[in-house]
């Protein structure tokens, strides 16, 4: 009796193995038939921080690094209603230092943030400062439904919408919104006192 069950179990395992191999072969054939997007279609159709075409074999090396500024995007600052009075007060109280940034495909991206400070005003404008000097001015808004800050300026590293996590006067901005697909994460630290440039 046990022998009959073992034979039946063996036949079942072989049948499952054959079906699995056929499904794997079918999925390989289907994936091979998919066209590789051109650079033009990749810019508009695939949301990623950097598009890398071609194959890269698995290696023990680190991830491929691409050092380039994010693409400029249209940030719909004026489409949303104005932020709440408490959000205006929170952001316009003091200075905000972009003191660290990270992106897997550019581990040196923090060099484009660490010298920069932001000074928000309640009229929904802000300045980007480096060593106490204004290097850019823009407009801001806050989407309280999605908890995102929207920044429109000429600096490609700041101009975007950012998902926000806040804890006191420390924010983490995440580049994973419907507009921002950079994957950059920025730690923004508030200070009530003017920095000693």
Protein backbone atom coordinates (compact mmCIF):
# COMPACT_ATOMS: atom_id res chain seq x y z
CA UNK A 1 0.00 0.00 0.00
CA UNK A 2 2.81 2.42 0.92
CA UNK A 3 4.56 1.55 -2.33
CA UNK A 4 1.44 2.53 -4.36
CA UNK A 5 1.36 5.93 -2.63
CA UNK A 6 5.08 6.45 -3.29
CA UNK A 7 4.63 5.66 -6.98
CA UNK A 8 1.59 7.92 -7.20
CA UNK A 9 3.49 10.71 -5.40
CA UNK A 10 6.46 10.28 -7.77
CA UNK A 11 4.21 10.58 -10.86
CA UNK A 12 2.63 13.71 -9.40
CA UNK A 13 6.06 15.33 -8.74
CA UNK A 14 7.21 14.57 -12.30
CA UNK A 15 4.00 16.03 -13.75
CA UNK A 16 4.40 19.21 -11.70
CA UNK A 17 8.03 19.50 -12.79
CA UNK A 18 7.06 19.28 -16.46
CA UNK A 19 4.34 21.93 -16.05
CA UNK A 20 6.73 24.24 -14.21
CA UNK A 21 9.38 23.92 -16.94
CA UNK A 22 6.80 24.68 -19.64
CA UNK A 23 5.57 27.76 -17.75
CA UNK A 24 9.14 29.02 -17.24
CA UNK A 25 9.92 28.54 -20.93
CA UNK A 26 6.69 30.32 -21.88
CA UNK A 27 7.47 33.30 -19.61
CA UNK A 28 11.03 33.51 -21.06
CA UNK A 29 9.60 33.58 -24.57
CA UNK A 30 7.10 36.29 -23.63
CA UNK A 31 9.72 38.48 -21.93
CA UNK A 32 12.06 38.12 -24.90
CA UNK A 33 9.31 39.38 -27.18
CA UNK A 34 8.93 42.63 -25.21
CA UNK A 35 10.61 45.55 -27.03
CA UNK A 36 13.27 47.56 -25.23
CA UNK A 37 12.04 51.15 -24.94
CA UNK A 38 13.95 53.82 -26.81
CA UNK A 39 15.52 56.68 -24.86
CA UNK A 40 12.69 58.97 -25.98
CA UNK A 41 9.93 56.63 -24.80
CA UNK A 42 11.89 55.88 -21.64
CA UNK A 43 11.83 59.56 -20.68
CA UNK A 44 8.06 59.70 -20.80
CA UNK A 45 6.89 56.12 -20.26
CA UNK A 46 9.11 54.72 -17.52
CA UNK A 47 9.31 56.46 -14.18
CA UNK A 48 12.80 56.07 -12.78
CA UNK A 49 15.52 58.34 -11.51
CA UNK A 50 17.87 57.39 -14.35
CA UNK A 51 17.18 55.22 -17.37
CA UNK A 52 19.99 52.77 -18.11
CA UNK A 53 19.55 50.89 -21.37
CA UNK A 54 21.03 47.50 -22.11
CA UNK A 55 21.91 44.67 -19.79
CA UNK A 56 24.35 44.61 -16.93
CA UNK A 57 25.36 41.22 -15.66
CA UNK A 58 25.19 40.54 -11.96
CA UNK A 59 28.53 41.34 -10.43
CA UNK A 60 29.96 41.87 -7.01
CA UNK A 61 30.53 45.54 -7.88
CA UNK A 62 28.31 48.24 -6.46
CA UNK A 63 25.35 49.66 -8.34
CA UNK A 64 26.08 51.69 -11.48
CA UNK A 65 26.39 55.35 -10.51
CA UNK A 66 24.89 58.07 -12.69
CA UNK A 67 25.88 61.59 -11.68
CA UNK A 68 23.47 64.01 -13.33
CA UNK A 69 20.95 66.58 -12.19
CA UNK A 70 17.29 65.54 -12.08
CA UNK A 71 15.16 66.65 -15.02
CA UNK A 72 13.30 69.90 -14.49
CA UNK A 73 9.57 69.36 -13.99
CA UNK A 74 6.58 71.68 -13.92
CA UNK A 75 5.49 71.90 -10.29
CA UNK A 76 1.81 72.91 -9.94
CA UNK A 77 2.32 75.24 -6.98
CA UNK A 78 -0.64 77.49 -7.85
CA UNK A 79 -3.14 74.69 -8.57
CA UNK A 80 -3.62 73.79 -4.90
CA UNK A 81 -5.36 75.96 -2.32
CA UNK A 82 -3.00 77.88 -0.01
CA UNK A 83 -1.50 75.91 2.89
CA UNK A 84 -2.91 76.19 6.39
CA UNK A 85 -1.77 78.98 8.69
CA UNK A 86 -0.05 76.44 10.93
CA UNK A 87 1.91 74.98 7.98
CA UNK A 88 2.93 78.50 6.89
CA UNK A 89 4.07 79.29 10.43
CA UNK A 90 5.92 75.97 10.77
CA UNK A 91 7.92 76.44 7.57
CA UNK A 92 8.54 80.18 7.90
CA UNK A 93 9.90 79.89 11.45
CA UNK A 94 13.66 79.85 11.04
CA UNK A 95 16.00 78.39 8.45
CA UNK A 96 16.03 74.90 6.95
CA UNK A 97 19.29 73.11 6.18
CA UNK A 98 19.34 70.40 3.51
CA UNK A 99 22.05 68.62 5.45
CA UNK A 100 22.00 65.15 3.87
CA UNK A 101 20.68 63.45 0.74
CA UNK A 102 20.79 59.93 -0.62
CA UNK A 103 20.00 58.26 -3.92
CA UNK A 104 20.97 54.66 -4.79
CA UNK A 105 22.02 55.52 -8.35
CA UNK A 106 24.13 58.54 -7.27
CA UNK A 107 25.63 58.10 -3.83
CA UNK A 108 27.38 61.49 -4.13
CA UNK A 109 24.11 63.41 -4.61
CA UNK A 110 24.47 64.89 -1.11
CA UNK A 111 27.16 67.26 -2.46
CA UNK A 112 24.36 69.09 -4.31
CA UNK A 113 22.42 69.71 -1.09
CA UNK A 114 24.71 70.08 1.92
CA UNK A 115 25.66 73.73 1.36
CA UNK A 116 22.05 74.82 0.80
CA UNK A 117 19.67 76.42 3.26
CA UNK A 118 16.04 77.35 2.63
CA UNK A 119 14.19 80.33 4.05
CA UNK A 120 10.41 80.04 3.63
CA UNK A 121 8.07 83.02 3.85
CA UNK A 122 4.36 83.03 4.65
CA UNK A 123 3.59 84.59 1.25
CA UNK A 124 4.57 81.18 -0.23
CA UNK A 125 7.93 82.28 -1.59
CA UNK A 126 11.27 80.91 -0.49
CA UNK A 127 14.99 81.56 -0.96
CA UNK A 128 17.81 79.09 -1.50
CA UNK A 129 20.92 80.31 0.31
CA UNK A 130 24.55 79.21 0.16
CA UNK A 131 26.90 80.79 2.72
CA UNK A 132 24.29 83.41 3.53
CA UNK A 133 23.81 84.57 -0.07
CA UNK A 134 20.54 84.06 -1.96
CA UNK A 135 21.27 81.94 -5.06
CA UNK A 136 17.67 81.21 -6.08
CA UNK A 137 14.13 82.25 -5.22
CA UNK A 138 10.99 80.24 -5.82
CA UNK A 139 7.42 79.50 -4.82
CA UNK A 140 6.15 76.81 -2.46
CA UNK A 141 2.89 75.16 -1.47
CA UNK A 142 1.85 72.21 0.66
CA UNK A 143 -0.54 69.44 -0.36
CA UNK A 144 -2.01 68.36 2.99
CA UNK A 145 -4.05 65.55 1.39
CA UNK A 146 -0.91 63.75 0.16
CA UNK A 147 1.46 65.29 2.74
CA UNK A 148 3.74 66.71 0.03
CA UNK A 149 5.67 69.95 -0.23
CA UNK A 150 5.78 71.51 -3.69
CA UNK A 151 8.79 73.65 -4.56
CA UNK A 152 9.13 75.56 -7.82
CA UNK A 153 12.51 77.17 -8.55
CA UNK A 154 15.43 77.00 -11.00
CA UNK A 155 17.54 74.58 -8.93
CA UNK A 156 16.93 71.08 -10.42
CA UNK A 157 17.86 69.39 -7.14
CA UNK A 158 15.13 71.28 -5.21
CA UNK A 159 12.46 72.00 -7.86
CA UNK A 160 9.93 69.19 -7.41
CA UNK A 161 7.23 67.78 -5.17
CA UNK A 162 8.41 65.83 -2.14
CA UNK A 163 6.59 63.40 0.16
CA UNK A 164 7.20 64.68 3.69
CA UNK A 165 7.79 62.93 7.00
CA UNK A 166 8.17 65.35 9.90
CA UNK A 167 9.24 65.00 13.48
CA UNK A 168 9.60 68.31 15.27
CA UNK A 169 11.93 70.48 13.26
CA UNK A 170 13.35 67.62 11.19
CA UNK A 171 11.79 66.57 7.89
CA UNK A 172 12.61 63.78 5.47
CA UNK A 173 11.70 64.65 1.89
CA UNK A 174 11.21 61.66 -0.38
CA UNK A 175 11.38 61.79 -4.16
CA UNK A 176 8.58 59.32 -4.77
CA UNK A 177 5.50 61.35 -5.67
CA UNK A 178 3.43 61.44 -8.85
CA UNK A 179 5.69 64.23 -10.12
CA UNK A 180 8.99 63.40 -8.44
CA UNK A 181 10.46 60.07 -9.53
CA UNK A 182 14.08 60.81 -8.61
CA UNK A 183 14.22 58.45 -5.63
CA UNK A 184 16.27 61.06 -3.75
CA UNK A 185 15.74 61.34 -0.01
CA UNK A 186 16.72 64.59 1.72
CA UNK A 187 17.03 65.24 5.45
CA UNK A 188 15.96 68.82 6.18
CA UNK A 189 16.76 70.22 9.62
CA UNK A 190 15.16 73.39 10.94
CA UNK A 191 16.94 76.00 13.04
CA UNK A 192 15.28 78.96 14.76
CA UNK A 193 18.60 80.78 14.86
CA UNK A 194 20.31 82.24 11.84
CA UNK A 195 23.17 79.96 10.74
CA UNK A 196 26.76 81.07 11.32
CA UNK A 197 27.59 81.02 7.63
